[in-house]
C-alpha atoms as a PDB file:
ATOM      1  CA  UNK A   1      42.939 -33.703 -21.281  1.00  0.00           C
ATOM      2  CA  UNK A   2      45.862 -35.979 -21.876  1.00  0.00           C
ATOM      3  CA  UNK A   3      47.724 -34.978 -18.722  1.00  0.00           C
ATOM      4  CA  UNK A   4      50.674 -33.729 -20.742  1.00  0.00           C
ATOM      5  CA  UNK A   5      52.545 -30.627 -19.668  1.00  0.00           C
ATOM      6  CA  UNK A   6      52.240 -27.730 -22.078  1.00  0.00           C
ATOM      7  CA  UNK A   7      55.571 -26.155 -22.893  1.00  0.00           C
ATOM      8  CA  UNK A   8      55.527 -22.401 -23.386  1.00  0.00           C
ATOM      9  CA  UNK A   9      57.029 -21.402 -26.678  1.00  0.00           C
ATOM     10  CA  UNK A  10      57.869 -18.042 -28.233  1.00  0.00           C
ATOM     11  CA  UNK A  11      55.089 -16.265 -30.067  1.00  0.00           C
ATOM     12  CA  UNK A  12      55.305 -16.876 -33.764  1.00  0.00           C
ATOM     13  CA  UNK A  13      52.556 -15.498 -35.924  1.00  0.00           C
ATOM     14  CA  UNK A  14      54.227 -14.959 -39.248  1.00  0.00           C
ATOM     15  CA  UNK A  15      57.386 -13.105 -38.325  1.00  0.00           C
ATOM     16  CA  UNK A  16      55.842 -11.589 -35.175  1.00  0.00           C
ATOM     17  CA  UNK A  17      58.050 -12.549 -32.254  1.00  0.00           C
ATOM     18  CA  UNK A  18      57.857 -11.057 -28.777  1.00  0.00           C
ATOM     19  CA  UNK A  19      60.954  -9.009 -29.626  1.00  0.00           C
ATOM     20  CA  UNK A  20      59.395  -7.787 -32.863  1.00  0.00           C
ATOM     21  CA  UNK A  21      56.169  -6.802 -31.156  1.00  0.00           C
ATOM     22  CA  UNK A  22      58.007  -4.940 -28.400  1.00  0.00           C
ATOM     23  CA  UNK A  23      60.079  -3.083 -30.976  1.00  0.00           C
ATOM     24  CA  UNK A  24      56.966  -2.114 -32.940  1.00  0.00           C
ATOM     25  CA  UNK A  25      55.097  -0.984 -29.814  1.00  0.00           C
ATOM     26  CA  UNK A  26      58.124   0.988 -28.573  1.00  0.00           C
ATOM     27  CA  UNK A  27      58.405   2.814 -31.905  1.00  0.00           C
ATOM     28  CA  UNK A  28      54.667   3.556 -32.037  1.00  0.00           C
ATOM     29  CA  UNK A  29      54.723   4.987 -28.505  1.00  0.00           C
ATOM     30  CA  UNK A  30      57.776   7.097 -29.307  1.00  0.00           C
ATOM     31  CA  UNK A  31      56.238   8.359 -32.554  1.00  0.00           C
ATOM     32  CA  UNK A  32      53.108   9.491 -30.699  1.00  0.00           C
ATOM     33  CA  UNK A  33      55.241  11.414 -28.185  1.00  0.00           C
ATOM     34  CA  UNK A  34      54.941   9.066 -25.214  1.00  0.00           C
ATOM     35  CA  UNK A  35      57.798   7.837 -23.032  1.00  0.00           C
ATOM     36  CA  UNK A  36      57.890   4.208 -24.221  1.00  0.00           C
ATOM     37  CA  UNK A  37      59.645   2.883 -21.120  1.00  0.00           C
ATOM     38  CA  UNK A  38      57.120   4.420 -18.717  1.00  0.00           C
ATOM     39  CA  UNK A  39      54.176   3.257 -20.800  1.00  0.00           C
ATOM     40  CA  UNK A  40      55.479  -0.304 -21.188  1.00  0.00           C
ATOM     41  CA  UNK A  41      56.265  -0.573 -17.472  1.00  0.00           C
ATOM     42  CA  UNK A  42      52.746   0.646 -16.678  1.00  0.00           C
ATOM     43  CA  UNK A  43      51.288  -1.979 -18.989  1.00  0.00           C
ATOM     44  CA  UNK A  44      53.409  -4.817 -17.616  1.00  0.00           C
ATOM     45  CA  UNK A  45      52.597  -3.905 -14.005  1.00  0.00           C
ATOM     46  CA  UNK A  46      48.848  -3.430 -14.450  1.00  0.00           C
ATOM     47  CA  UNK A  47      47.845  -5.279 -17.608  1.00  0.00           C
ATOM     48  CA  UNK A  48      45.846  -2.179 -18.604  1.00  0.00           C
ATOM     49  CA  UNK A  49      46.080  -1.913 -22.412  1.00  0.00           C
ATOM     50  CA  UNK A  50      45.290   1.821 -22.348  1.00  0.00           C
ATOM     51  CA  UNK A  51      48.958   2.380 -21.490  1.00  0.00           C
ATOM     52  CA  UNK A  52      49.674   1.429 -25.113  1.00  0.00           C
ATOM     53  CA  UNK A  53      48.622   3.599 -28.036  1.00  0.00           C
ATOM     54  CA  UNK A  54      46.395   2.091 -30.693  1.00  0.00           C
ATOM     55  CA  UNK A  55      48.520   3.887 -33.318  1.00  0.00           C
ATOM     56  CA  UNK A  56      49.900   1.467 -35.939  1.00  0.00           C
ATOM     57  CA  UNK A  57      48.015  -1.406 -34.237  1.00  0.00           C
ATOM     58  CA  UNK A  58      50.395  -1.340 -31.262  1.00  0.00           C
ATOM     59  CA  UNK A  59      47.715  -2.038 -28.631  1.00  0.00           C
ATOM     60  CA  UNK A  60      46.302  -5.053 -30.439  1.00  0.00           C
ATOM     61  CA  UNK A  61      49.812  -6.385 -31.023  1.00  0.00           C
ATOM     62  CA  UNK A  62      50.887  -6.115 -27.367  1.00  0.00           C
ATOM     63  CA  UNK A  63      47.668  -7.854 -26.312  1.00  0.00           C
ATOM     64  CA  UNK A  64      48.789 -10.934 -28.277  1.00  0.00           C
ATOM     65  CA  UNK A  65      51.497 -11.429 -25.658  1.00  0.00           C
ATOM     66  CA  UNK A  66      51.061 -12.538 -22.075  1.00  0.00           C
ATOM     67  CA  UNK A  67      52.792 -10.229 -19.626  1.00  0.00           C
ATOM     68  CA  UNK A  68      55.088 -13.059 -18.521  1.00  0.00           C
ATOM     69  CA  UNK A  69      56.205 -13.422 -22.164  1.00  0.00           C
ATOM     70  CA  UNK A  70      57.109  -9.736 -22.192  1.00  0.00           C
ATOM     71  CA  UNK A  71      59.104 -10.071 -18.979  1.00  0.00           C
ATOM     72  CA  UNK A  72      60.816 -13.194 -20.296  1.00  0.00           C
ATOM     73  CA  UNK A  73      61.875 -11.364 -23.469  1.00  0.00           C
ATOM     74  CA  UNK A  74      63.153  -8.361 -21.512  1.00  0.00           C
ATOM     75  CA  UNK A  75      65.187 -10.516 -19.122  1.00  0.00           C
ATOM     76  CA  UNK A  76      66.552 -12.613 -22.014  1.00  0.00           C
ATOM     77  CA  UNK A  77      67.620  -9.459 -23.869  1.00  0.00           C
ATOM     78  CA  UNK A  78      69.239  -7.993 -20.748  1.00  0.00           C
ATOM     79  CA  UNK A  79      71.170 -11.140 -19.950  1.00  0.00           C
ATOM     80  CA  UNK A  80      72.331 -11.666 -23.520  1.00  0.00           C
ATOM     81  CA  UNK A  81      73.419  -8.058 -23.994  1.00  0.00           C
ATOM     82  CA  UNK A  82      74.622  -6.960 -20.559  1.00  0.00           C
ATOM     83  CA  UNK A  83      75.958 -10.076 -18.919  1.00  0.00           C
ATOM     84  CA  UNK A  84      77.400 -11.764 -22.008  1.00  0.00           C
ATOM     85  CA  UNK A  85      78.843  -8.904 -24.109  1.00  0.00           C
END
């Protein structure tokens, strides 16, 4: 270990950002007839991936993100769109 601090950076695997993954997962949940908000909140609170459907690879995609990355993206979106219209 070099003793350097690791800086967290946004997920970037191809064009897969946290925002892109959340959008994909939301759409997959909605398509399968689930309430996406309830399911995503359940996942964020518990970390249990069974809250997310495996349809369209949504479960494997959400598991690429840490839950703190999800919260960070949600807060960033809220602040940018509600507090700075």
